[in-house]
C-alpha cells in the first residue's frame, strides 16, 4: 500500500471519529462533578486508548501528530472544560480522561 493511501486512510479515520463525536461534545456540558465521580479513569492499555494513542501525560507523547501545548483540557471533545485533573471525553464515553492527556482524536477548542 502506498504511503499516500495510508495517509488518506488515517485522515478519513480521524475525520470520521471527529464528525461522529462532535455532536456529542455538548452533551457533557451539563454533567456535574458528582455524576463524574463514579466513572472510571481510562486505562492507557485498553483497546480503545491504544487505538487512538491516548496517554495520560501529553508531555510524554512521542507521536508525529502531537503538537506542543495540545492536551485533553483544551480539546473540543473534552466535554466538561471546567473539569480539573480528570474529565469526560466524547471519544471515550463512560470513562474519564486526564485533563493533561492527549490522543490522536484531538480537536482544538475554538
N, C-alpha and C. Protein backbone atom coordinates (compact mmCIF):
# COMPACT_ATOMS: atom_id res chain seq x y z
N UNK A 1 0.85 -1.17 0.00
CA UNK A 1 0.00 0.00 0.00
C UNK A 1 0.90 1.24 0.00
N UNK A 2 0.56 2.23 -0.82
CA UNK A 2 1.34 3.45 -0.92
C UNK A 2 1.20 4.29 0.35
N UNK A 3 2.23 5.10 0.59
CA UNK A 3 2.21 5.98 1.76
C UNK A 3 1.04 6.96 1.68
N UNK A 4 0.73 7.44 0.48
CA UNK A 4 -0.40 8.38 0.34
C UNK A 4 -1.73 7.69 0.66
N UNK A 5 -1.84 6.40 0.32
CA UNK A 5 -3.05 5.66 0.66
C UNK A 5 -3.19 5.53 2.17
N UNK A 6 -2.07 5.28 2.86
CA UNK A 6 -2.11 5.17 4.32
C UNK A 6 -2.47 6.50 4.95
N UNK A 7 -1.91 7.59 4.40
CA UNK A 7 -2.23 8.91 4.94
C UNK A 7 -3.70 9.25 4.71
N UNK A 8 -4.21 8.91 3.54
CA UNK A 8 -5.62 9.16 3.23
C UNK A 8 -6.51 8.35 4.16
N UNK A 9 -6.16 7.08 4.37
CA UNK A 9 -6.95 6.23 5.26
C UNK A 9 -6.95 6.80 6.68
N UNK A 10 -5.79 7.23 7.18
CA UNK A 10 -5.67 7.79 8.53
C UNK A 10 -6.52 9.06 8.65
N UNK A 11 -6.44 9.92 7.62
CA UNK A 11 -7.22 11.15 7.61
C UNK A 11 -8.71 10.83 7.69
N UNK A 12 -9.16 9.88 6.89
CA UNK A 12 -10.57 9.51 6.89
C UNK A 12 -11.00 8.93 8.23
N UNK A 13 -10.13 8.14 8.86
CA UNK A 13 -10.46 7.58 10.17
C UNK A 13 -10.64 8.69 11.20
N UNK A 14 -9.70 9.64 11.22
CA UNK A 14 -9.77 10.73 12.19
C UNK A 14 -10.96 11.65 11.92
N UNK A 15 -11.21 11.91 10.64
CA UNK A 15 -12.35 12.76 10.28
C UNK A 15 -13.66 12.11 10.71
N UNK A 16 -13.78 10.82 10.45
CA UNK A 16 -14.99 10.10 10.84
C UNK A 16 -15.18 10.12 12.35
N UNK A 17 -14.10 9.89 13.09
CA UNK A 17 -14.18 9.92 14.55
C UNK A 17 -14.60 11.31 15.03
N UNK A 18 -13.98 12.35 14.47
CA UNK A 18 -14.30 13.71 14.87
C UNK A 18 -15.74 14.08 14.55
N UNK A 19 -16.19 13.72 13.36
CA UNK A 19 -17.56 14.04 12.97
C UNK A 19 -18.58 13.29 13.82
N UNK A 20 -18.27 12.05 14.13
CA UNK A 20 -19.19 11.26 14.95
C UNK A 20 -19.25 11.78 16.38
N UNK A 21 -18.11 12.26 16.88
CA UNK A 21 -18.04 12.70 18.27
C UNK A 21 -18.49 14.14 18.46
N UNK A 22 -18.38 14.98 17.43
CA UNK A 22 -18.69 16.40 17.58
C UNK A 22 -20.10 16.67 18.12
N UNK A 23 -21.14 16.00 17.62
CA UNK A 23 -22.47 16.27 18.18
C UNK A 23 -22.59 15.89 19.66
N UNK A 24 -21.76 14.98 20.09
CA UNK A 24 -21.80 14.55 21.48
C UNK A 24 -21.05 15.50 22.41
N UNK A 25 -20.23 16.36 21.84
CA UNK A 25 -19.38 17.23 22.66
C UNK A 25 -20.18 18.09 23.61
N UNK A 26 -21.32 18.58 23.20
CA UNK A 26 -22.13 19.45 24.06
C UNK A 26 -22.90 18.70 25.13
N UNK A 27 -23.07 17.40 24.97
CA UNK A 27 -23.87 16.65 25.93
C UNK A 27 -23.27 16.64 27.32
N UNK A 28 -21.97 16.63 27.42
CA UNK A 28 -21.32 16.57 28.73
C UNK A 28 -21.28 17.88 29.46
N UNK A 29 -21.65 18.96 28.80
CA UNK A 29 -21.59 20.27 29.44
C UNK A 29 -22.47 20.35 30.68
N UNK A 30 -23.50 19.53 30.75
CA UNK A 30 -24.39 19.59 31.90
C UNK A 30 -24.03 18.54 32.95
N UNK A 31 -22.99 17.78 32.68
CA UNK A 31 -22.57 16.75 33.63
C UNK A 31 -22.00 17.41 34.87
N UNK A 32 -22.45 16.98 36.01
CA UNK A 32 -21.95 17.56 37.25
C UNK A 32 -20.79 16.74 37.76
N UNK A 33 -20.02 17.34 38.64
CA UNK A 33 -18.86 16.65 39.21
C UNK A 33 -19.30 15.38 39.94
N UNK A 34 -20.44 15.44 40.60
CA UNK A 34 -20.90 14.26 41.33
C UNK A 34 -21.21 13.10 40.39
N UNK A 35 -21.73 13.40 39.19
CA UNK A 35 -22.01 12.34 38.23
C UNK A 35 -20.71 11.74 37.69
N UNK A 36 -19.67 12.54 37.62
CA UNK A 36 -18.38 12.08 37.12
C UNK A 36 -17.62 11.26 38.16
N UNK A 37 -17.93 11.46 39.42
CA UNK A 37 -17.20 10.78 40.48
C UNK A 37 -17.22 9.26 40.33
N UNK A 38 -18.30 8.70 39.83
CA UNK A 38 -18.41 7.25 39.73
C UNK A 38 -17.78 6.66 38.47
N UNK A 39 -17.35 7.50 37.54
CA UNK A 39 -16.77 6.99 36.30
C UNK A 39 -15.31 6.59 36.49
N UNK A 40 -14.91 5.49 35.86
CA UNK A 40 -13.51 5.05 35.98
C UNK A 40 -12.61 5.87 35.06
N UNK A 41 -11.34 5.92 35.41
CA UNK A 41 -10.35 6.56 34.55
C UNK A 41 -10.05 5.64 33.37
N UNK A 42 -9.84 6.22 32.22
CA UNK A 42 -9.49 5.45 31.04
C UNK A 42 -8.12 4.81 31.25
N UNK A 43 -8.02 3.53 31.00
CA UNK A 43 -6.76 2.79 31.12
C UNK A 43 -5.97 2.97 29.84
N UNK A 44 -4.74 3.47 29.94
CA UNK A 44 -3.89 3.68 28.76
C UNK A 44 -3.68 2.39 27.96
N UNK A 45 -3.76 1.26 28.63
CA UNK A 45 -3.52 -0.02 27.96
C UNK A 45 -4.78 -0.66 27.39
N UNK A 46 -5.92 0.02 27.54
CA UNK A 46 -7.16 -0.53 26.99
C UNK A 46 -7.13 -0.47 25.47
N UNK A 47 -7.94 -1.31 24.86
CA UNK A 47 -8.01 -1.39 23.40
C UNK A 47 -8.34 -0.04 22.77
N UNK A 48 -9.37 0.64 23.33
CA UNK A 48 -9.78 1.92 22.75
C UNK A 48 -8.73 3.01 22.94
N UNK A 49 -8.05 3.01 24.07
CA UNK A 49 -6.99 4.01 24.30
C UNK A 49 -5.81 3.78 23.36
N UNK A 50 -5.41 2.54 23.21
CA UNK A 50 -4.30 2.22 22.30
C UNK A 50 -4.64 2.57 20.86
N UNK A 51 -5.90 2.38 20.46
CA UNK A 51 -6.31 2.66 19.08
C UNK A 51 -6.11 4.13 18.72
N UNK A 52 -6.22 5.00 19.71
CA UNK A 52 -6.06 6.43 19.46
C UNK A 52 -4.81 7.00 20.14
N UNK A 53 -3.87 6.13 20.51
CA UNK A 53 -2.59 6.54 21.09
C UNK A 53 -2.76 7.46 22.30
N UNK A 54 -3.78 7.18 23.13
CA UNK A 54 -4.05 8.01 24.31
C UNK A 54 -2.95 7.83 25.36
N UNK A 55 -2.56 8.96 25.95
CA UNK A 55 -1.62 8.98 27.08
C UNK A 55 -2.15 9.94 28.13
N UNK A 56 -1.98 9.60 29.39
CA UNK A 56 -2.42 10.46 30.50
C UNK A 56 -1.64 11.77 30.56
N UNK A 57 -0.38 11.74 30.12
CA UNK A 57 0.50 12.91 30.21
C UNK A 57 0.96 13.31 28.81
N UNK A 58 0.39 14.39 28.28
CA UNK A 58 0.71 14.83 26.92
C UNK A 58 2.18 15.18 26.75
N UNK A 59 2.83 15.61 27.82
CA UNK A 59 4.25 15.98 27.69
C UNK A 59 5.13 14.77 27.42
N UNK A 60 4.60 13.58 27.63
CA UNK A 60 5.35 12.35 27.39
C UNK A 60 4.99 11.69 26.05
N UNK A 61 4.15 12.35 25.26
CA UNK A 61 3.70 11.78 23.98
C UNK A 61 4.82 11.87 22.95
N UNK A 62 5.05 10.76 22.26
CA UNK A 62 6.00 10.71 21.16
C UNK A 62 5.24 10.20 19.94
N UNK A 63 4.52 11.11 19.31
CA UNK A 63 3.68 10.77 18.16
C UNK A 63 3.80 11.89 17.14
N UNK A 64 3.90 11.57 15.85
CA UNK A 64 4.10 12.62 14.85
C UNK A 64 2.96 13.65 14.76
N UNK A 65 1.76 13.30 15.17
CA UNK A 65 0.63 14.23 15.11
C UNK A 65 0.56 15.18 16.31
N UNK A 66 1.27 14.84 17.37
CA UNK A 66 1.23 15.67 18.58
C UNK A 66 1.98 16.98 18.35
N UNK A 67 1.36 18.08 18.80
CA UNK A 67 2.00 19.38 18.78
C UNK A 67 2.02 19.92 20.20
N UNK A 68 3.13 20.52 20.57
CA UNK A 68 3.29 21.04 21.93
C UNK A 68 2.12 21.94 22.30
N UNK A 69 1.63 21.77 23.50
CA UNK A 69 0.51 22.56 24.01
C UNK A 69 -0.84 21.88 23.86
N UNK A 70 -0.92 20.84 23.04
CA UNK A 70 -2.17 20.11 22.90
C UNK A 70 -2.38 19.21 24.11
N UNK A 71 -3.58 19.22 24.65
CA UNK A 71 -3.94 18.29 25.73
C UNK A 71 -5.45 18.18 25.81
N UNK A 72 -5.92 17.21 26.53
CA UNK A 72 -7.36 16.97 26.63
C UNK A 72 -8.11 18.20 27.14
N UNK A 73 -7.52 18.93 28.06
CA UNK A 73 -8.17 20.09 28.65
C UNK A 73 -8.49 21.18 27.65
N UNK A 74 -7.76 21.26 26.53
CA UNK A 74 -8.06 22.28 25.53
C UNK A 74 -8.57 21.66 24.22
N UNK A 75 -9.09 20.44 24.33
CA UNK A 75 -9.67 19.73 23.18
C UNK A 75 -11.19 19.91 23.18
N UNK A 76 -11.76 20.08 22.01
CA UNK A 76 -13.21 20.23 21.87
C UNK A 76 -13.97 19.01 22.37
N UNK A 77 -13.35 17.85 22.32
CA UNK A 77 -14.02 16.61 22.70
C UNK A 77 -14.01 16.37 24.22
N UNK A 78 -13.25 17.17 24.96
CA UNK A 78 -13.25 17.14 26.43
C UNK A 78 -14.52 17.88 26.83
N UNK A 79 -15.56 17.15 27.15
CA UNK A 79 -16.91 17.71 27.21
C UNK A 79 -17.23 18.55 28.44
N UNK A 80 -16.34 18.62 29.40
CA UNK A 80 -16.55 19.50 30.56
C UNK A 80 -15.27 20.27 30.81
N UNK A 81 -15.07 21.39 30.09
CA UNK A 81 -13.82 22.14 30.22
C UNK A 81 -13.54 22.65 31.63
N UNK A 82 -14.55 22.67 32.49
CA UNK A 82 -14.32 23.10 33.86
C UNK A 82 -13.79 21.97 34.74
N UNK A 83 -13.81 20.74 34.22
CA UNK A 83 -13.31 19.58 34.98
C UNK A 83 -11.80 19.67 35.11
N UNK A 84 -11.33 19.54 36.30
CA UNK A 84 -9.89 19.60 36.57
C UNK A 84 -9.37 18.20 36.86
N UNK A 85 -8.17 17.94 36.44
CA UNK A 85 -7.46 16.67 36.58
C UNK A 85 -8.04 15.56 35.71
N UNK A 86 -9.31 15.21 35.89
CA UNK A 86 -9.96 14.16 35.10
C UNK A 86 -11.33 14.64 34.66
N UNK A 87 -11.70 14.35 33.40
CA UNK A 87 -13.00 14.78 32.90
C UNK A 87 -13.49 13.88 31.78
N UNK A 88 -14.74 14.07 31.38
CA UNK A 88 -15.34 13.24 30.34
C UNK A 88 -14.87 13.63 28.94
N UNK A 89 -14.85 12.65 28.06
CA UNK A 89 -14.45 12.85 26.67
C UNK A 89 -15.47 12.16 25.78
N UNK A 90 -15.89 12.84 24.71
CA UNK A 90 -16.88 12.28 23.80
C UNK A 90 -16.36 11.05 23.07
N UNK A 91 -15.07 10.92 22.95
CA UNK A 91 -14.49 9.78 22.24
C UNK A 91 -14.47 8.53 23.11
N UNK A 92 -14.39 8.72 24.42
CA UNK A 92 -14.32 7.60 25.37
C UNK A 92 -15.50 7.68 26.36
N UNK A 93 -16.72 7.44 25.90
CA UNK A 93 -17.88 7.56 26.79
C UNK A 93 -17.80 6.59 27.96
N UNK A 94 -18.24 7.09 29.11
CA UNK A 94 -18.25 6.25 30.31
C UNK A 94 -16.91 6.17 31.02
N UNK A 95 -15.92 6.91 30.52
CA UNK A 95 -14.59 6.93 31.14
C UNK A 95 -14.15 8.38 31.31
N UNK A 96 -13.26 8.61 32.24
CA UNK A 96 -12.67 9.93 32.42
C UNK A 96 -11.25 9.90 31.87
N UNK A 97 -10.87 10.99 31.22
CA UNK A 97 -9.51 11.12 30.70
C UNK A 97 -8.79 12.20 31.50
N UNK A 98 -7.48 12.14 31.50
CA UNK A 98 -6.68 13.13 32.21
C UNK A 98 -6.75 14.46 31.48
N UNK A 99 -6.96 15.53 32.23
CA UNK A 99 -7.00 16.87 31.64
C UNK A 99 -5.70 17.14 30.87
N UNK A 100 -4.60 16.65 31.36
CA UNK A 100 -3.30 16.86 30.73
C UNK A 100 -2.94 15.76 29.75
N UNK A 101 -3.90 14.90 29.38
CA UNK A 101 -3.65 13.80 28.46
C UNK A 101 -3.74 14.22 27.00
N UNK A 102 -3.61 13.24 26.11
CA UNK A 102 -3.67 13.51 24.67
C UNK A 102 -3.98 12.23 23.92
N UNK A 103 -4.68 12.36 22.79
CA UNK A 103 -4.86 11.25 21.85
C UNK A 103 -4.94 11.80 20.44
N UNK A 104 -4.93 10.93 19.46
CA UNK A 104 -4.93 11.36 18.07
C UNK A 104 -6.27 11.93 17.59
N UNK A 105 -7.30 11.84 18.40
CA UNK A 105 -8.59 12.44 18.05
C UNK A 105 -8.66 13.91 18.44
N UNK A 106 -7.56 14.46 18.93
CA UNK A 106 -7.51 15.84 19.42
C UNK A 106 -8.08 16.82 18.38
N UNK A 107 -8.99 17.69 18.86
CA UNK A 107 -9.58 18.75 18.04
C UNK A 107 -9.45 20.03 18.88
N UNK A 108 -8.73 21.04 18.38
CA UNK A 108 -8.56 22.25 19.19
C UNK A 108 -9.90 22.92 19.51
N UNK A 109 -10.01 23.37 20.74
CA UNK A 109 -11.22 24.09 21.16
C UNK A 109 -11.17 25.48 20.52
N UNK A 110 -12.24 25.84 19.84
CA UNK A 110 -12.34 27.09 19.08
C UNK A 110 -12.09 28.28 19.86
